[in-house]
Structure formats: C-alpha cells, structure tokens
Amino acid sequence: MGLPQPDVVAVAAACATVRDAVRAGKLASVHDVSDGGLACALAESAIAGGQGCQVNLEPLRERGCSPEEALFGEGAGGFLVSGERATLEELGAALLGEVGGEAVEVAAGDRSLAVPLAAAESAWRSLDLA
C-alpha cells in the first residue's frame, strides 16, 4: 500500500498562500504541522507567544478527520495560523479556536484536555534534543 502521496500542486499553492499572507502582514503567527502534527504546533506556538489557546477539532472532524489524525497527522502543506477572523476566512482556513488564556485547551467531541501553559513550557524545555 505504501505512504499516501501528497498533492504537490496543492501543497505548493498552500505554501504560496501562507507566504504571501505573511509578507503582507496579514497573519499574527504561522507554524507548520509537519513535525508532530497540530498538537505540537499548538503547544510550540502557545509557548513561543506566551499565550494559551482554546481549540475545537470539530471542523476537522466534519472534514472526515479522526481526532487522532487531526492532532498528530503530519501531512504535507498543513499550517497552524492565527490572525484576524476575516483574514483567516479569506484564506479558507478551518477556524478551530482562539488565542489567549493560560492553558492549551483542546476539545474533540465529548473529550477534552487542558494543559497549563507553564507546564507545557516546562515539559518542552526539559527535552534533550541534542
């Protein structure tokens, strides 16, 4: 069966769209989801920005993604972006939540988790990536 083949044209278009939005100053933050998926991108973005977030995976579930795939899938061309709602809608982004607070909070149907930002940062900084 092998690995799924990415749609190179679609990935290039997504990269160009995000690049152009960044260059135009339309986005507050951008993080790819290629290493660790959305879960890692959320945590790393929250730590870097010093702000928590509240995320609901329902829009991704409506697109046929399981919560596990949504959180840990490392597909090519995926980005976590933040900015003004109108800009995100214009870009066609799936709106998953909001930035702010003191925790990374994720809801997936009847399941949810919340990790205090300080605890997430402490765990992240304790990693020995050498």
Protein backbone atom coordinates (compact mmCIF):
# COMPACT_ATOMS: atom_id res chain seq x y z
CA MET A 1 0.00 0.00 0.00
CA GLY A 2 2.77 2.49 0.85
CA LEU A 3 2.62 6.04 2.10
CA PRO A 4 -0.01 8.46 0.81
CA GLN A 5 1.33 10.69 -1.95
CA PRO A 6 0.87 14.41 -1.31
CA ASP A 7 -0.76 16.57 -3.95
CA VAL A 8 2.37 18.58 -4.74
CA VAL A 9 0.45 21.27 -6.63
CA ALA A 10 -1.96 21.79 -3.69
CA VAL A 11 0.92 21.86 -1.18
CA ALA A 12 2.81 24.43 -3.27
CA ALA A 13 -0.35 26.55 -3.51
CA ALA A 14 -0.89 26.39 0.27
CA CYS A 15 2.73 27.38 0.89
CA ALA A 16 2.43 30.30 -1.54
CA THR A 17 -0.82 31.47 0.05
CA VAL A 18 0.66 31.42 3.55
CA ARG A 19 3.92 33.04 2.36
CA ASP A 20 2.01 35.86 0.66
CA ALA A 21 -0.17 36.43 3.73
CA VAL A 22 2.93 36.61 5.95
CA ARG A 23 4.67 39.04 3.59
CA ALA A 24 1.55 41.22 3.56
CA GLY A 25 1.48 41.27 7.38
CA LYS A 26 -1.94 39.60 7.48
CA LEU A 27 -1.09 36.83 9.97
CA ALA A 28 -0.13 37.08 13.63
CA SER A 29 1.60 33.68 13.64
CA VAL A 30 2.29 30.67 11.44
CA HIS A 31 3.58 27.20 12.33
CA ASP A 32 3.78 24.16 10.06
CA VAL A 33 2.24 20.90 11.26
CA SER A 34 4.80 18.61 9.65
CA ASP A 35 6.70 17.65 12.81
CA GLY A 36 4.38 16.30 15.50
CA GLY A 37 1.17 17.47 13.89
CA LEU A 38 -1.31 20.04 15.11
CA ALA A 39 -0.78 19.09 18.77
CA CYS A 40 2.91 20.05 18.67
CA ALA A 41 2.22 23.15 16.57
CA LEU A 42 -0.36 24.34 19.11
CA ALA A 43 1.96 23.77 22.06
CA GLU A 44 5.01 25.33 20.39
CA SER A 45 3.05 28.34 19.17
CA ALA A 46 1.49 28.89 22.59
CA ILE A 47 4.89 28.65 24.28
CA ALA A 48 6.57 30.98 21.75
CA GLY A 49 3.77 33.55 22.03
CA GLY A 50 3.33 33.25 25.79
CA GLN A 51 -0.43 32.79 25.31
CA GLY A 52 -2.67 29.79 25.60
CA CYS A 53 -5.41 28.79 23.19
CA GLN A 54 -8.84 27.20 23.07
CA VAL A 55 -9.27 24.80 20.14
CA ASN A 56 -12.20 22.67 19.00
CA LEU A 57 -11.40 19.93 16.48
CA GLU A 58 -15.00 19.65 15.27
CA PRO A 59 -14.36 21.44 11.94
CA LEU A 60 -11.65 18.89 11.15
CA ARG A 61 -13.88 16.00 12.23
CA GLU A 62 -16.55 17.34 9.85
CA ARG A 63 -13.94 17.03 7.06
CA GLY A 64 -13.54 13.33 7.90
CA CYS A 65 -10.51 13.53 10.20
CA SER A 66 -10.41 11.50 13.39
CA PRO A 67 -9.24 13.40 16.50
CA GLU A 68 -6.00 11.38 16.43
CA GLU A 69 -5.37 12.26 12.78
CA ALA A 70 -6.23 15.89 13.44
CA LEU A 71 -3.86 16.18 16.40
CA PHE A 72 -0.93 14.02 15.29
CA GLY A 73 -1.13 13.81 11.49
CA GLU A 74 1.99 15.16 9.83
CA GLY A 75 0.68 15.69 6.33
CA ALA A 76 2.48 17.97 3.92
CA GLY A 77 1.27 21.52 3.46
CA GLY A 78 -0.59 21.95 6.74
CA PHE A 79 -0.24 25.16 8.72
CA LEU A 80 -1.50 26.49 12.04
CA VAL A 81 -2.16 30.20 11.56
CA SER A 82 -3.55 32.97 13.72
CA GLY A 83 -4.82 36.40 12.84
CA GLU A 84 -7.95 38.42 12.28
CA ARG A 85 -11.02 36.25 11.67
CA ALA A 86 -11.85 37.95 8.34
CA THR A 87 -8.33 37.28 7.05
CA LEU A 88 -8.47 33.64 8.10
CA GLU A 89 -11.84 33.22 6.40
CA GLU A 90 -10.47 34.90 3.26
CA LEU A 91 -7.59 32.39 3.24
CA GLY A 92 -10.03 29.48 3.56
CA ALA A 93 -8.59 28.38 6.90
CA ALA A 94 -10.55 25.98 9.10
CA LEU A 95 -11.42 28.09 12.14
CA LEU A 96 -10.57 25.98 15.18
CA GLY A 97 -10.48 28.41 18.08
CA GLU A 98 -8.92 31.43 19.68
CA VAL A 99 -5.62 32.56 21.14
CA GLY A 100 -5.43 33.65 24.76
CA GLY A 101 -5.51 32.45 28.31
CA GLU A 102 -3.08 30.48 30.42
CA ALA A 103 -3.60 26.96 29.02
CA VAL A 104 -3.60 24.96 25.82
CA GLU A 105 -7.16 23.63 25.69
CA VAL A 106 -8.31 21.14 23.06
CA ALA A 107 -11.83 19.74 22.62
CA ALA A 108 -12.71 16.80 20.37
CA GLY A 109 -16.35 15.85 20.70
CA ASP A 110 -17.01 14.53 24.19
CA ARG A 111 -13.28 14.50 25.03
CA SER A 112 -11.10 17.42 26.02
CA LEU A 113 -7.83 18.28 27.66
CA ALA A 114 -6.25 21.36 29.14
CA VAL A 115 -2.56 21.78 29.88
CA PRO A 116 -1.43 24.89 31.74
CA LEU A 117 0.93 26.88 29.54
CA ALA A 118 3.60 26.89 32.25
CA ALA A 119 3.50 23.08 32.46
CA ALA A 120 3.69 22.74 28.67
CA GLU A 121 6.66 25.09 28.54
CA SER A 122 8.43 23.30 31.39
CA ALA A 123 8.00 19.92 29.66
CA TRP A 124 9.12 21.34 26.30
CA ARG A 125 12.23 22.95 27.78
CA SER A 126 13.15 19.72 29.58
CA LEU A 127 13.52 17.86 26.27
CA ASP A 128 17.07 16.94 25.38
CA LEU A 129 17.07 17.43 21.62
CA ALA A 130 20.84 17.20 21.22
